[in-house]
């Protein structure tokens, strides 16, 4: 699938196996993040805004991965506790 999106007033052609709505949603998310950073740092160049946007999204991803890891560990402990108590 492919779709044309706009990020920071620049158009991009995206192609992926996901449907157009998904790609548009991802692009909108990145665009909103980039615009937020651009408004906080109006004198930064596009490249710096792009790097800061990537760092912010990477930070979100890492925090979510850690949260997911901790949740999986907690679930595993609960499963083990249930199994132990059911014997």
PDB file of N, CA and C in Angstrom:
ATOM      1  N   UNK A   1       0.842  -1.185   0.000  1.00  0.00           N
ATOM      2  CA  UNK A   1       0.000   0.000   0.000  1.00  0.00           C
ATOM      3  C   UNK A   1       0.885   1.246   0.000  1.00  0.00           C
ATOM      4  N   UNK A   2       0.331   2.302  -0.510  1.00  0.00           N
ATOM      5  CA  UNK A   2       1.043   3.566  -0.512  1.00  0.00           C
ATOM      6  C   UNK A   2       0.087   4.717  -0.267  1.00  0.00           C
ATOM      7  N   UNK A   3       0.624   5.771   0.324  1.00  0.00           N
ATOM      8  CA  UNK A   3      -0.183   6.953   0.609  1.00  0.00           C
ATOM      9  C   UNK A   3       0.727   8.177   0.635  1.00  0.00           C
ATOM     10  N   UNK A   4       0.158   9.298   0.253  1.00  0.00           N
ATOM     11  CA  UNK A   4       0.886  10.567   0.288  1.00  0.00           C
ATOM     12  C   UNK A   4       0.492  11.290   1.569  1.00  0.00           C
ATOM     13  N   UNK A   5       1.508  11.686   2.370  1.00  0.00           N
ATOM     14  CA  UNK A   5       1.256  12.349   3.646  1.00  0.00           C
ATOM     15  C   UNK A   5       2.039  13.664   3.720  1.00  0.00           C
ATOM     16  N   UNK A   6       1.665  14.477   4.689  1.00  0.00           N
ATOM     17  CA  UNK A   6       2.342  15.754   4.894  1.00  0.00           C
ATOM     18  C   UNK A   6       2.856  15.806   6.324  1.00  0.00           C
ATOM     19  N   UNK A   7       4.163  16.062   6.458  1.00  0.00           N
ATOM     20  CA  UNK A   7       4.801  16.217   7.765  1.00  0.00           C
ATOM     21  C   UNK A   7       5.618  17.502   7.721  1.00  0.00           C
ATOM     22  N   UNK A   8       5.324  18.409   8.658  1.00  0.00           N
ATOM     23  CA  UNK A   8       5.974  19.731   8.694  1.00  0.00           C
ATOM     24  C   UNK A   8       5.899  20.421   7.329  1.00  0.00           C
ATOM     25  N   UNK A   9       4.709  20.395   6.764  1.00  0.00           N
ATOM     26  CA  UNK A   9       4.428  21.045   5.477  1.00  0.00           C
ATOM     27  C   UNK A   9       5.260  20.505   4.313  1.00  0.00           C
ATOM     28  N   UNK A  10       5.746  19.299   4.455  1.00  0.00           N
ATOM     29  CA  UNK A  10       6.513  18.633   3.395  1.00  0.00           C
ATOM     30  C   UNK A  10       5.772  17.347   3.040  1.00  0.00           C
ATOM     31  N   UNK A  11       5.614  17.065   1.760  1.00  0.00           N
ATOM     32  CA  UNK A  11       4.901  15.853   1.348  1.00  0.00           C
ATOM     33  C   UNK A  11       5.858  14.677   1.186  1.00  0.00           C
ATOM     34  N   UNK A  12       5.353  13.501   1.592  1.00  0.00           N
ATOM     35  CA  UNK A  12       6.120  12.265   1.504  1.00  0.00           C
ATOM     36  C   UNK A  12       5.212  11.157   0.971  1.00  0.00           C
ATOM     37  N   UNK A  13       5.787  10.273   0.183  1.00  0.00           N
ATOM     38  CA  UNK A  13       5.091   9.069  -0.264  1.00  0.00           C
ATOM     39  C   UNK A  13       5.517   7.926   0.640  1.00  0.00           C
ATOM     40  N   UNK A  14       4.552   7.317   1.322  1.00  0.00           N
ATOM     41  CA  UNK A  14       4.847   6.187   2.191  1.00  0.00           C
ATOM     42  C   UNK A  14       4.312   4.919   1.560  1.00  0.00           C
ATOM     43  N   UNK A  15       5.077   3.855   1.662  1.00  0.00           N
ATOM     44  CA  UNK A  15       4.652   2.552   1.165  1.00  0.00           C
ATOM     45  C   UNK A  15       4.953   1.522   2.245  1.00  0.00           C
ATOM     46  N   UNK A  16       3.944   0.701   2.527  1.00  0.00           N
ATOM     47  CA  UNK A  16       4.102  -0.355   3.521  1.00  0.00           C
ATOM     48  C   UNK A  16       2.976  -1.365   3.338  1.00  0.00           C
ATOM     49  N   UNK A  17       3.064  -2.462   4.069  1.00  0.00           N
ATOM     50  CA  UNK A  17       2.028  -3.492   4.001  1.00  0.00           C
ATOM     51  C   UNK A  17       0.753  -3.067   4.725  1.00  0.00           C
ATOM     52  N   UNK A  18       0.865  -2.104   5.636  1.00  0.00           N
ATOM     53  CA  UNK A  18      -0.294  -1.639   6.397  1.00  0.00           C
ATOM     54  C   UNK A  18      -1.228  -0.831   5.500  1.00  0.00           C
ATOM     55  N   UNK A  19      -2.479  -0.678   5.959  1.00  0.00           N
ATOM     56  CA  UNK A  19      -3.443   0.068   5.151  1.00  0.00           C
ATOM     57  C   UNK A  19      -3.186   1.577   5.229  1.00  0.00           C
ATOM     58  N   UNK A  20      -3.827   2.307   4.330  1.00  0.00           N
ATOM     59  CA  UNK A  20      -3.606   3.748   4.222  1.00  0.00           C
ATOM     60  C   UNK A  20      -3.950   4.492   5.506  1.00  0.00           C
ATOM     61  N   UNK A  21      -5.025   4.094   6.158  1.00  0.00           N
ATOM     62  CA  UNK A  21      -5.425   4.748   7.401  1.00  0.00           C
ATOM     63  C   UNK A  21      -4.360   4.655   8.473  1.00  0.00           C
ATOM     64  N   UNK A  22      -3.733   3.490   8.560  1.00  0.00           N
ATOM     65  CA  UNK A  22      -2.663   3.305   9.535  1.00  0.00           C
ATOM     66  C   UNK A  22      -1.490   4.230   9.219  1.00  0.00           C
ATOM     67  N   UNK A  23      -1.076   4.247   7.955  1.00  0.00           N
ATOM     68  CA  UNK A  23       0.040   5.106   7.547  1.00  0.00           C
ATOM     69  C   UNK A  23      -0.273   6.577   7.785  1.00  0.00           C
ATOM     70  N   UNK A  24      -1.500   6.973   7.474  1.00  0.00           N
ATOM     71  CA  UNK A  24      -1.902   8.361   7.707  1.00  0.00           C
ATOM     72  C   UNK A  24      -1.885   8.686   9.198  1.00  0.00           C
ATOM     73  N   UNK A  25      -2.293   7.738  10.013  1.00  0.00           N
ATOM     74  CA  UNK A  25      -2.273   7.940  11.463  1.00  0.00           C
ATOM     75  C   UNK A  25      -0.862   8.101  12.002  1.00  0.00           C
ATOM     76  N   UNK A  26       0.044   7.274  11.519  1.00  0.00           N
ATOM     77  CA  UNK A  26       1.449   7.372  11.933  1.00  0.00           C
ATOM     78  C   UNK A  26       2.021   8.718  11.509  1.00  0.00           C
ATOM     79  N   UNK A  27       1.747   9.113  10.281  1.00  0.00           N
ATOM     80  CA  UNK A  27       2.254  10.392   9.778  1.00  0.00           C
ATOM     81  C   UNK A  27       1.680  11.560  10.584  1.00  0.00           C
ATOM     82  N   UNK A  28       0.399  11.492  10.910  1.00  0.00           N
ATOM     83  CA  UNK A  28      -0.234  12.548  11.701  1.00  0.00           C
ATOM     84  C   UNK A  28       0.403  12.628  13.085  1.00  0.00           C
ATOM     85  N   UNK A  29       0.701  11.478  13.667  1.00  0.00           N
ATOM     86  CA  UNK A  29       1.354  11.443  14.980  1.00  0.00           C
ATOM     87  C   UNK A  29       2.720  12.135  14.917  1.00  0.00           C
ATOM     88  N   UNK A  30       3.521  11.766  13.926  1.00  0.00           N
ATOM     89  CA  UNK A  30       4.850  12.367  13.755  1.00  0.00           C
ATOM     90  C   UNK A  30       4.719  13.861  13.483  1.00  0.00           C
ATOM     91  N   UNK A  31       3.780  14.233  12.633  1.00  0.00           N
ATOM     92  CA  UNK A  31       3.569  15.644  12.306  1.00  0.00           C
ATOM     93  C   UNK A  31       3.200  16.442  13.558  1.00  0.00           C
ATOM     94  N   UNK A  32       2.297  15.908  14.374  1.00  0.00           N
ATOM     95  CA  UNK A  32       1.903  16.607  15.603  1.00  0.00           C
ATOM     96  C   UNK A  32       3.074  16.751  16.564  1.00  0.00           C
ATOM     97  N   UNK A  33       3.866  15.704  16.709  1.00  0.00           N
ATOM     98  CA  UNK A  33       5.050  15.765  17.569  1.00  0.00           C
ATOM     99  C   UNK A  33       6.033  16.818  17.058  1.00  0.00           C
ATOM    100  N   UNK A  34       6.292  16.783  15.752  1.00  0.00           N
ATOM    101  CA  UNK A  34       7.244  17.713  15.151  1.00  0.00           C
ATOM    102  C   UNK A  34       6.755  19.153  15.280  1.00  0.00           C
ATOM    103  N   UNK A  35       5.475  19.385  15.078  1.00  0.00           N
ATOM    104  CA  UNK A  35       4.919  20.738  15.208  1.00  0.00           C
ATOM    105  C   UNK A  35       5.005  21.229  16.649  1.00  0.00           C
ATOM    106  N   UNK A  36       4.784  20.335  17.594  1.00  0.00           N
ATOM    107  CA  UNK A  36       4.919  20.709  18.997  1.00  0.00           C
ATOM    108  C   UNK A  36       6.335  21.132  19.334  1.00  0.00           C
ATOM    109  N   UNK A  37       7.299  20.384  18.843  1.00  0.00           N
ATOM    110  CA  UNK A  37       8.706  20.730  19.079  1.00  0.00           C
ATOM    111  C   UNK A  37       9.062  22.020  18.354  1.00  0.00           C
ATOM    112  N   UNK A  38       8.587  22.162  17.120  1.00  0.00           N
ATOM    113  CA  UNK A  38       8.871  23.374  16.339  1.00  0.00           C
ATOM    114  C   UNK A  38       8.307  24.613  17.029  1.00  0.00           C
ATOM    115  N   UNK A  39       7.143  24.481  17.649  1.00  0.00           N
ATOM    116  CA  UNK A  39       6.566  25.642  18.332  1.00  0.00           C
ATOM    117  C   UNK A  39       7.325  25.970  19.612  1.00  0.00           C
ATOM    118  N   UNK A  40       7.935  24.961  20.230  1.00  0.00           N
ATOM    119  CA  UNK A  40       8.734  25.189  21.434  1.00  0.00           C
ATOM    120  C   UNK A  40      10.113  25.757  21.113  1.00  0.00           C
ATOM    121  N   UNK A  41      10.586  25.444  19.929  1.00  0.00           N
ATOM    122  CA  UNK A  41      11.910  25.902  19.493  1.00  0.00           C
ATOM    123  C   UNK A  41      11.798  26.546  18.109  1.00  0.00           C
ATOM    124  N   UNK A  42      11.210  27.741  18.038  1.00  0.00           N
ATOM    125  CA  UNK A  42      10.927  28.345  16.726  1.00  0.00           C
ATOM    126  C   UNK A  42      12.165  28.688  15.896  1.00  0.00           C
ATOM    127  N   UNK A  43      13.331  28.754  16.513  1.00  0.00           N
ATOM    128  CA  UNK A  43      14.534  29.136  15.764  1.00  0.00           C
ATOM    129  C   UNK A  43      15.368  27.938  15.313  1.00  0.00           C
ATOM    130  N   UNK A  44      14.878  26.732  15.631  1.00  0.00           N
ATOM    131  CA  UNK A  44      15.609  25.527  15.216  1.00  0.00           C
ATOM    132  C   UNK A  44      15.353  25.235  13.743  1.00  0.00           C
ATOM    133  N   UNK A  45      16.349  24.677  13.101  1.00  0.00           N
ATOM    134  CA  UNK A  45      16.233  24.278  11.696  1.00  0.00           C
ATOM    135  C   UNK A  45      15.414  22.996  11.597  1.00  0.00           C
ATOM    136  N   UNK A  46      14.898  22.726  10.407  1.00  0.00           N
ATOM    137  CA  UNK A  46      14.086  21.536  10.160  1.00  0.00           C
ATOM    138  C   UNK A  46      14.821  20.254  10.582  1.00  0.00           C
ATOM    139  N   UNK A  47      16.093  20.149  10.274  1.00  0.00           N
ATOM    140  CA  UNK A  47      16.858  18.955  10.622  1.00  0.00           C
ATOM    141  C   UNK A  47      16.916  18.762  12.138  1.00  0.00           C
ATOM    142  N   UNK A  48      17.150  19.830  12.879  1.00  0.00           N
ATOM    143  CA  UNK A  48      17.195  19.728  14.339  1.00  0.00           C
ATOM    144  C   UNK A  48      15.827  19.337  14.901  1.00  0.00           C
ATOM    145  N   UNK A  49      14.773  19.918  14.340  1.00  0.00           N
ATOM    146  CA  UNK A  49      13.418  19.568  14.772  1.00  0.00           C
ATOM    147  C   UNK A  49      13.152  18.094  14.498  1.00  0.00           C
ATOM    148  N   UNK A  50      13.598  17.610  13.341  1.00  0.00           N
ATOM    149  CA  UNK A  50      13.412  16.194  12.996  1.00  0.00           C
ATOM    150  C   UNK A  50      14.146  15.284  13.975  1.00  0.00           C
ATOM    151  N   UNK A  51      15.380  15.635  14.323  1.00  0.00           N
ATOM    152  CA  UNK A  51      16.160  14.827  15.264  1.00  0.00           C
ATOM    153  C   UNK A  51      15.510  14.847  16.643  1.00  0.00           C
ATOM    154  N   UNK A  52      15.083  16.023  17.095  1.00  0.00           N
ATOM    155  CA  UNK A  52      14.416  16.121  18.401  1.00  0.00           C
ATOM    156  C   UNK A  52      13.109  15.321  18.413  1.00  0.00           C
ATOM    157  N   UNK A  53      12.395  15.348  17.293  1.00  0.00           N
ATOM    158  CA  UNK A  53      11.163  14.562  17.184  1.00  0.00           C
ATOM    159  C   UNK A  53      11.480  13.074  17.289  1.00  0.00           C
ATOM    160  N   UNK A  54      12.502  12.623  16.574  1.00  0.00           N
ATOM    161  CA  UNK A  54      12.914  11.215  16.643  1.00  0.00           C
ATOM    162  C   UNK A  54      13.299  10.833  18.066  1.00  0.00           C
ATOM    163  N   UNK A  55      14.046  11.689  18.739  1.00  0.00           N
ATOM    164  CA  UNK A  55      14.466  11.395  20.112  1.00  0.00           C
ATOM    165  C   UNK A  55      13.266  11.312  21.050  1.00  0.00           C
ATOM    166  N   UNK A  56      12.314  12.209  20.890  1.00  0.00           N
ATOM    167  CA  UNK A  56      11.116  12.183  21.727  1.00  0.00           C
ATOM    168  C   UNK A  56      10.309  10.916  21.500  1.00  0.00           C
ATOM    169  N   UNK A  57      10.130  10.532  20.241  1.00  0.00           N
ATOM    170  CA  UNK A  57       9.372   9.320  19.937  1.00  0.00           C
ATOM    171  C   UNK A  57      10.137   8.079  20.412  1.00  0.00           C
ATOM    172  N   UNK A  58      11.466   8.074  20.267  1.00  0.00           N
ATOM    173  CA  UNK A  58      12.274   6.955  20.753  1.00  0.00           C
ATOM    174  C   UNK A  58      12.167   6.845  22.274  1.00  0.00           C
ATOM    175  N   UNK A  59      12.131   7.978  22.958  1.00  0.00           N
ATOM    176  CA  UNK A  59      11.963   7.987  24.406  1.00  0.00           C
ATOM    177  C   UNK A  59      10.624   7.370  24.794  1.00  0.00           C
ATOM    178  N   UNK A  60       9.562   7.768  24.107  1.00  0.00           N
ATOM    179  CA  UNK A  60       8.237   7.184  24.362  1.00  0.00           C
ATOM    180  C   UNK A  60       8.270   5.668  24.144  1.00  0.00           C
ATOM    181  N   UNK A  61       8.871   5.242  23.047  1.00  0.00           N
ATOM    182  CA  UNK A  61       8.946   3.822  22.716  1.00  0.00           C
ATOM    183  C   UNK A  61       9.690   3.047  23.797  1.00  0.00           C
ATOM    184  N   UNK A  62      10.836   3.552  24.220  1.00  0.00           N
ATOM    185  CA  UNK A  62      11.630   2.855  25.243  1.00  0.00           C
ATOM    186  C   UNK A  62      10.871   2.768  26.556  1.00  0.00           C
ATOM    187  N   UNK A  63      10.187   3.836  26.941  1.00  0.00           N
ATOM    188  CA  UNK A  63       9.405   3.814  28.182  1.00  0.00           C
ATOM    189  C   UNK A  63       8.254   2.817  28.080  1.00  0.00           C
ATOM    190  N   UNK A  64       7.603   2.757  26.928  1.00  0.00           N
ATOM    191  CA  UNK A  64       6.517   1.799  26.744  1.00  0.00           C
ATOM    192  C   UNK A  64       7.034   0.364  26.740  1.00  0.00           C
ATOM    193  N   UNK A  65       8.206   0.140  26.135  1.00  0.00           N
ATOM    194  CA  UNK A  65       8.797  -1.203  26.139  1.00  0.00           C
ATOM    195  C   UNK A  65       9.113  -1.640  27.560  1.00  0.00           C
ATOM    196  N   UNK A  66       9.645  -0.729  28.356  1.00  0.00           N
ATOM    197  CA  UNK A  66       9.970  -1.058  29.742  1.00  0.00           C
ATOM    198  C   UNK A  66       8.696  -1.332  30.536  1.00  0.00           C
ATOM    199  N   UNK A  67       7.687  -0.521  30.324  1.00  0.00           N
ATOM    200  CA  UNK A  67       6.402  -0.726  30.997  1.00  0.00           C
ATOM    201  C   UNK A  67       5.811  -2.083  30.609  1.00  0.00           C
ATOM    202  N   UNK A  68       5.901  -2.432  29.339  1.00  0.00           N
ATOM    203  CA  UNK A  68       5.415  -3.717  28.835  1.00  0.00           C
ATOM    204  C   UNK A  68       6.201  -4.871  29.447  1.00  0.00           C
ATOM    205  N   UNK A  69       7.512  -4.720  29.535  1.00  0.00           N
ATOM    206  CA  UNK A  69       8.359  -5.756  30.130  1.00  0.00           C
ATOM    207  C   UNK A  69       7.963  -6.001  31.583  1.00  0.00           C
ATOM    208  N   UNK A  70       7.773  -4.902  32.337  1.00  0.00           N
ATOM    209  CA  UNK A  70       7.387  -5.027  33.746  1.00  0.00           C
ATOM    210  C   UNK A  70       6.010  -5.666  33.883  1.00  0.00           C
ATOM    211  N   UNK A  71       5.092  -5.311  32.997  1.00  0.00           N
ATOM    212  CA  UNK A  71       3.745  -5.904  33.033  1.00  0.00           C
ATOM    213  C   UNK A  71       3.813  -7.403  32.758  1.00  0.00           C
ATOM    214  N   UNK A  72       4.634  -7.805  31.786  1.00  0.00           N
ATOM    215  CA  UNK A  72       4.790  -9.234  31.475  1.00  0.00           C
ATOM    216  C   UNK A  72       5.375  -9.985  32.669  1.00  0.00           C
ATOM    217  N   UNK A  73       6.362  -9.370  33.336  1.00  0.00           N
ATOM    218  CA  UNK A  73       6.952 -10.005  34.519  1.00  0.00           C
ATOM    219  C   UNK A  73       5.903 -10.164  35.620  1.00  0.00           C
ATOM    220  N   UNK A  74       5.105  -9.141  35.815  1.00  0.00           N
ATOM    221  CA  UNK A  74       4.068  -9.192  36.844  1.00  0.00           C
ATOM    222  C   UNK A  74       3.035 -10.269  36.510  1.00  0.00           C
ATOM    223  N   UNK A  75       2.639 -10.328  35.262  1.00  0.00           N
ATOM    224  CA  UNK A  75       1.693 -11.362  34.831  1.00  0.00           C
ATOM    225  C   UNK A  75       2.283 -12.745  35.061  1.00  0.00           C
ATOM    226  N   UNK A  76       3.544 -12.921  34.720  1.00  0.00           N
ATOM    227  CA  UNK A  76       4.194 -14.223  34.916  1.00  0.00           C
ATOM    228  C   UNK A  76       4.226 -14.599  36.392  1.00  0.00           C
ATOM    229  N   UNK A  77       4.534 -13.634  37.277  1.00  0.00           N
ATOM    230  CA  UNK A  77       4.542 -13.909  38.721  1.00  0.00           C
ATOM    231  C   UNK A  77       3.145 -14.299  39.205  1.00  0.00           C
ATOM    232  N   UNK A  78       2.127 -13.608  38.688  1.00  0.00           N
ATOM    233  CA  UNK A  78       0.750 -13.926  39.077  1.00  0.00           C
ATOM    234  C   UNK A  78       0.345 -15.318  38.601  1.00  0.00           C
ATOM    235  N   UNK A  79       0.747 -15.664  37.385  1.00  0.00           N
ATOM    236  CA  UNK A  79       0.456 -17.004  36.855  1.00  0.00           C
ATOM    237  C   UNK A  79       1.121 -18.058  37.738  1.00  0.00           C
ATOM    238  N   UNK A  80       2.383 -17.827  38.085  1.00  0.00           N
ATOM    239  CA  UNK A  80       3.097 -18.776  38.935  1.00  0.00           C
ATOM    240  C   UNK A  80       2.431 -18.893  40.300  1.00  0.00           C
ATOM    241  N   UNK A  81       1.976 -17.786  40.840  1.00  0.00           N
ATOM    242  CA  UNK A  81       1.313 -17.795  42.149  1.00  0.00           C
ATOM    243  C   UNK A  81       0.000 -18.574  42.067  1.00  0.00           C
ATOM    244  N   UNK A  82      -0.762 -18.332  41.008  1.00  0.00           N
ATOM    245  CA  UNK A  82      -2.035 -19.058  40.813  1.00  0.00           C
ATOM    246  C   UNK A  82      -1.779 -20.547  40.661  1.00  0.00           C
ATOM    247  N   UNK A  83      -0.793 -20.903  39.857  1.00  0.00           N
ATOM    248  CA  UNK A  83      -0.457 -22.314  39.661  1.00  0.00           C
ATOM    249  C   UNK A  83      -0.028 -22.974  40.964  1.00  0.00           C
ATOM    250  N   UNK A  84       0.754 -22.261  41.751  1.00  0.00           N
ATOM    251  CA  UNK A  84       1.238 -22.788  43.029  1.00  0.00           C
ATOM    252  C   UNK A  84       0.060 -22.989  43.986  1.00  0.00           C
ATOM    253  N   UNK A  85      -0.867 -22.027  44.021  1.00  0.00           N
ATOM    254  CA  UNK A  85      -2.002 -22.108  44.945  1.00  0.00           C
ATOM    255  C   UNK A  85      -3.068 -23.115  44.502  1.00  0.00           C
ATOM    256  N   UNK A  86      -3.063 -23.495  43.240  1.00  0.00           N
ATOM    257  CA  UNK A  86      -4.076 -24.418  42.740  1.00  0.00           C
ATOM    258  C   UNK A  86      -3.659 -25.883  42.894  1.00  0.00           C
ATOM    259  N   UNK A  87      -2.450 -26.109  43.371  1.00  0.00           N
ATOM    260  CA  UNK A  87      -1.954 -27.495  43.535  1.00  0.00           C
ATOM    261  C   UNK A  87      -2.380 -28.063  44.851  1.00  0.00           C
TER     262      UNK A  87
END
